[in-house]
C-alpha cells in the first residue's frame, strides 16, 4: 500500500507552469485562427485595409480607433520584420 508521503501531489509552482503553458497554447491557437481566417473582411463596406487608410464607407472611416491603433502598432514593428511579412 502506498504511503501518503510516496504519492506525488502537484506543487503550486507546477500548477502555475501548467496554467501558463495552457494559456500560451490557447493564445497561439487563437492567433493562428485569426491569421488564417480573420473574418472581418467579409463585408464590402468595412474592409480592413480601407478602414485603416480611411477609404471605407463613411461610418467606418469616422471611427478613429482602428486606423490610429494600427498605425501606432506598425511603428513598433522593426522594418526587417515588416519586409518579411509583406505579401508582395
N, C-alpha and C. Protein backbone atom coordinates (compact mmCIF):
# COMPACT_ATOMS: atom_id res chain seq x y z
N UNK A 1 0.83 -1.18 0.00
CA UNK A 1 0.00 0.00 0.00
C UNK A 1 0.88 1.24 0.00
N UNK A 2 0.52 2.23 -0.79
CA UNK A 2 1.30 3.46 -0.87
C UNK A 2 1.07 4.32 0.36
N UNK A 3 2.15 4.87 0.86
CA UNK A 3 2.02 5.80 1.98
C UNK A 3 1.74 7.20 1.42
N UNK A 4 1.12 8.05 2.22
CA UNK A 4 0.83 9.40 1.74
C UNK A 4 2.08 10.15 1.31
N UNK A 5 3.22 9.85 1.92
CA UNK A 5 4.46 10.55 1.56
C UNK A 5 4.98 10.12 0.19
N UNK A 6 4.66 8.88 -0.23
CA UNK A 6 5.18 8.41 -1.51
C UNK A 6 4.35 8.89 -2.70
N UNK A 7 3.13 9.31 -2.45
CA UNK A 7 2.30 9.85 -3.54
C UNK A 7 2.77 11.25 -3.89
N UNK A 8 2.86 11.54 -5.18
CA UNK A 8 3.29 12.87 -5.61
C UNK A 8 2.07 13.74 -5.80
N UNK A 9 2.05 14.85 -5.12
CA UNK A 9 0.98 15.81 -5.32
C UNK A 9 1.55 17.00 -6.09
N UNK A 10 0.76 17.59 -6.98
CA UNK A 10 1.27 18.71 -7.76
C UNK A 10 1.57 19.89 -6.85
N UNK A 11 2.68 20.53 -7.09
CA UNK A 11 3.05 21.69 -6.30
C UNK A 11 2.43 22.94 -6.89
N UNK A 12 2.46 23.98 -6.12
CA UNK A 12 1.91 25.25 -6.59
C UNK A 12 2.66 25.74 -7.82
N UNK A 13 3.99 25.60 -7.81
CA UNK A 13 4.78 26.02 -8.97
C UNK A 13 4.47 25.17 -10.19
N UNK A 14 4.25 23.88 -9.98
CA UNK A 14 3.91 23.00 -11.09
C UNK A 14 2.57 23.35 -11.70
N UNK A 15 1.59 23.62 -10.84
CA UNK A 15 0.28 24.03 -11.34
C UNK A 15 0.36 25.36 -12.08
N UNK A 16 1.16 26.26 -11.55
CA UNK A 16 1.32 27.57 -12.19
C UNK A 16 1.94 27.42 -13.58
N UNK A 17 2.94 26.56 -13.71
CA UNK A 17 3.57 26.37 -15.02
C UNK A 17 2.61 25.69 -16.00
N UNK A 18 1.81 24.75 -15.52
CA UNK A 18 0.80 24.12 -16.38
C UNK A 18 -0.22 25.16 -16.83
N UNK A 19 -0.64 26.04 -15.93
CA UNK A 19 -1.60 27.09 -16.26
C UNK A 19 -1.05 28.00 -17.35
N UNK A 20 0.20 28.48 -17.17
CA UNK A 20 0.77 29.40 -18.16
C UNK A 20 1.05 28.70 -19.49
N UNK A 21 1.40 27.44 -19.44
CA UNK A 21 1.59 26.69 -20.68
C UNK A 21 0.28 26.57 -21.43
N UNK A 22 -0.79 26.27 -20.73
CA UNK A 22 -2.11 26.16 -21.37
C UNK A 22 -2.55 27.52 -21.92
N UNK A 23 -2.29 28.59 -21.18
CA UNK A 23 -2.62 29.94 -21.67
C UNK A 23 -1.86 30.26 -22.94
N UNK A 24 -0.57 29.93 -22.97
CA UNK A 24 0.24 30.19 -24.15
C UNK A 24 -0.25 29.39 -25.35
N UNK A 25 -0.58 28.12 -25.13
CA UNK A 25 -1.10 27.29 -26.23
C UNK A 25 -2.43 27.81 -26.75
N UNK A 26 -3.32 28.17 -25.85
CA UNK A 26 -4.61 28.70 -26.26
C UNK A 26 -4.45 30.01 -27.02
N UNK A 27 -3.57 30.87 -26.55
CA UNK A 27 -3.31 32.14 -27.24
C UNK A 27 -2.75 31.89 -28.63
N UNK A 28 -1.83 30.94 -28.75
CA UNK A 28 -1.26 30.61 -30.07
C UNK A 28 -2.33 30.06 -31.01
N UNK A 29 -3.22 29.23 -30.50
CA UNK A 29 -4.29 28.70 -31.34
C UNK A 29 -5.24 29.80 -31.81
N UNK A 30 -5.60 30.70 -30.92
CA UNK A 30 -6.49 31.80 -31.29
C UNK A 30 -5.82 32.70 -32.31
N UNK A 31 -4.55 33.01 -32.11
CA UNK A 31 -3.82 33.85 -33.07
C UNK A 31 -3.73 33.16 -34.43
N UNK A 32 -3.43 31.88 -34.44
CA UNK A 32 -3.34 31.15 -35.70
C UNK A 32 -4.69 31.15 -36.42
N UNK A 33 -5.76 30.98 -35.69
CA UNK A 33 -7.10 31.00 -36.29
C UNK A 33 -7.40 32.37 -36.89
N UNK A 34 -7.05 33.42 -36.17
CA UNK A 34 -7.31 34.77 -36.67
C UNK A 34 -6.47 35.08 -37.90
N UNK A 35 -5.21 34.64 -37.91
CA UNK A 35 -4.34 34.91 -39.05
C UNK A 35 -4.82 34.16 -40.27
N UNK A 36 -5.25 32.91 -40.10
CA UNK A 36 -5.70 32.10 -41.24
C UNK A 36 -7.05 32.57 -41.79
N UNK A 37 -7.96 33.00 -40.92
CA UNK A 37 -9.28 33.43 -41.35
C UNK A 37 -9.76 34.57 -40.44
N UNK A 38 -9.34 35.81 -40.75
CA UNK A 38 -9.68 36.90 -39.86
C UNK A 38 -11.18 37.17 -39.75
N UNK A 39 -11.94 36.93 -40.80
CA UNK A 39 -13.38 37.08 -40.71
C UNK A 39 -13.89 38.51 -40.66
N UNK A 40 -13.01 39.50 -40.72
CA UNK A 40 -13.50 40.87 -40.66
C UNK A 40 -13.48 41.55 -42.02
N UNK A 41 -13.02 40.86 -43.04
CA UNK A 41 -13.04 41.44 -44.38
C UNK A 41 -14.19 40.90 -45.21
N UNK A 42 -15.21 40.40 -44.59
CA UNK A 42 -16.32 39.80 -45.32
C UNK A 42 -17.38 40.79 -45.77
N UNK A 43 -17.38 41.98 -45.23
CA UNK A 43 -18.40 42.97 -45.57
C UNK A 43 -17.74 44.07 -46.39
N UNK A 44 -18.19 44.26 -47.61
CA UNK A 44 -17.54 45.16 -48.56
C UNK A 44 -17.39 46.60 -48.10
N UNK A 45 -18.30 47.08 -47.28
CA UNK A 45 -18.23 48.48 -46.84
C UNK A 45 -17.24 48.69 -45.71
N UNK A 46 -16.78 47.61 -45.12
CA UNK A 46 -15.88 47.76 -43.97
C UNK A 46 -14.64 46.89 -44.11
N UNK A 47 -14.03 46.91 -45.28
CA UNK A 47 -12.81 46.13 -45.47
C UNK A 47 -11.71 46.70 -44.58
N UNK A 48 -10.90 45.83 -44.01
CA UNK A 48 -9.92 46.24 -43.01
C UNK A 48 -8.95 47.28 -43.55
N UNK A 49 -8.33 47.03 -44.69
CA UNK A 49 -7.37 47.99 -45.22
C UNK A 49 -8.02 49.31 -45.60
N UNK A 50 -9.25 49.27 -46.07
CA UNK A 50 -9.95 50.52 -46.37
C UNK A 50 -10.20 51.32 -45.10
N UNK A 51 -10.52 50.63 -44.00
CA UNK A 51 -10.72 51.34 -42.74
C UNK A 51 -9.41 51.93 -42.23
N UNK A 52 -8.31 51.20 -42.39
CA UNK A 52 -7.02 51.68 -41.91
C UNK A 52 -6.60 52.94 -42.66
N UNK A 53 -6.82 52.96 -43.98
CA UNK A 53 -6.38 54.09 -44.78
C UNK A 53 -7.47 55.13 -45.00
N UNK A 54 -8.63 54.98 -44.36
CA UNK A 54 -9.67 55.99 -44.42
C UNK A 54 -10.48 55.99 -45.70
N UNK A 55 -10.48 54.90 -46.45
CA UNK A 55 -11.22 54.84 -47.71
C UNK A 55 -12.53 54.08 -47.59
N UNK A 56 -12.85 53.59 -46.42
CA UNK A 56 -14.07 52.78 -46.24
C UNK A 56 -15.30 53.68 -46.23
N UNK A 57 -16.45 53.05 -46.24
CA UNK A 57 -17.73 53.74 -46.18
C UNK A 57 -17.74 54.70 -44.99
N UNK A 58 -18.40 55.82 -45.12
CA UNK A 58 -18.33 56.93 -44.16
C UNK A 58 -18.42 56.52 -42.68
N UNK A 59 -19.40 55.75 -42.23
CA UNK A 59 -19.44 55.42 -40.80
C UNK A 59 -18.18 54.69 -40.31
N UNK A 60 -17.54 53.95 -41.18
CA UNK A 60 -16.34 53.23 -40.78
C UNK A 60 -15.11 54.12 -40.83
N UNK A 61 -15.09 55.08 -41.75
CA UNK A 61 -13.96 55.99 -41.86
C UNK A 61 -13.88 56.90 -40.64
N UNK A 62 -15.02 57.31 -40.11
CA UNK A 62 -15.01 58.23 -38.99
C UNK A 62 -14.59 57.57 -37.68
N UNK A 63 -14.49 56.29 -37.66
CA UNK A 63 -14.02 55.60 -36.46
C UNK A 63 -12.50 55.66 -36.46
N UNK A 64 -11.95 56.31 -35.49
CA UNK A 64 -10.51 56.57 -35.48
C UNK A 64 -9.71 55.53 -34.71
N UNK A 65 -10.35 54.69 -33.94
CA UNK A 65 -9.61 53.77 -33.09
C UNK A 65 -8.80 52.76 -33.90
N UNK A 66 -9.42 52.14 -34.90
CA UNK A 66 -8.72 51.13 -35.69
C UNK A 66 -7.55 51.72 -36.47
N UNK A 67 -7.76 52.77 -37.26
CA UNK A 67 -6.61 53.31 -38.01
C UNK A 67 -5.51 53.82 -37.09
N UNK A 68 -5.88 54.48 -36.03
CA UNK A 68 -4.87 55.01 -35.12
C UNK A 68 -4.07 53.92 -34.43
N UNK A 69 -4.76 52.88 -33.99
CA UNK A 69 -4.06 51.80 -33.29
C UNK A 69 -3.19 51.00 -34.26
N UNK A 70 -3.64 50.79 -35.48
CA UNK A 70 -2.83 50.07 -36.47
C UNK A 70 -1.57 50.86 -36.78
N UNK A 71 -1.72 52.15 -36.99
CA UNK A 71 -0.54 52.97 -37.29
C UNK A 71 0.42 53.01 -36.12
N UNK A 72 -0.10 53.08 -34.90
CA UNK A 72 0.75 53.09 -33.72
C UNK A 72 1.49 51.77 -33.57
N UNK A 73 0.79 50.66 -33.78
CA UNK A 73 1.42 49.35 -33.64
C UNK A 73 2.43 49.06 -34.74
N UNK A 74 2.17 49.55 -35.95
CA UNK A 74 3.12 49.28 -37.03
C UNK A 74 4.42 50.06 -36.85
N UNK A 75 4.38 51.16 -36.13
CA UNK A 75 5.64 51.87 -35.87
C UNK A 75 6.52 51.09 -34.90
N UNK A 76 5.93 50.20 -34.11
CA UNK A 76 6.69 49.42 -33.14
C UNK A 76 7.33 48.18 -33.76
N UNK A 77 6.92 47.83 -34.98
CA UNK A 77 7.45 46.63 -35.64
C UNK A 77 8.72 47.01 -36.40
N UNK A 78 9.81 46.26 -36.21
CA UNK A 78 11.04 46.56 -36.93
C UNK A 78 10.85 46.45 -38.44
N UNK A 79 11.61 47.24 -39.20
CA UNK A 79 11.49 47.26 -40.66
C UNK A 79 11.78 45.89 -41.28
N UNK A 80 12.75 45.17 -40.72
CA UNK A 80 13.08 43.85 -41.25
C UNK A 80 11.90 42.89 -41.12
N UNK A 81 11.20 42.94 -39.99
CA UNK A 81 10.04 42.08 -39.79
C UNK A 81 8.91 42.46 -40.74
N UNK A 82 8.76 43.76 -41.01
CA UNK A 82 7.74 44.20 -41.96
C UNK A 82 8.02 43.66 -43.35
N UNK A 83 9.29 43.71 -43.76
CA UNK A 83 9.66 43.21 -45.10
C UNK A 83 9.40 41.72 -45.22
N UNK A 84 9.63 40.96 -44.14
CA UNK A 84 9.41 39.51 -44.17
C UNK A 84 7.93 39.18 -44.27
N UNK A 85 7.07 40.00 -43.68
CA UNK A 85 5.63 39.73 -43.67
C UNK A 85 4.90 40.31 -44.87
N UNK A 86 5.57 41.18 -45.64
CA UNK A 86 4.92 41.83 -46.77
C UNK A 86 4.61 40.79 -47.84
N UNK A 87 3.34 40.68 -48.28
CA UNK A 87 2.98 39.66 -49.26
C UNK A 87 3.48 39.95 -50.67
N UNK A 88 3.96 41.12 -50.92
CA UNK A 88 4.40 41.49 -52.29
C UNK A 88 5.77 41.01 -52.60
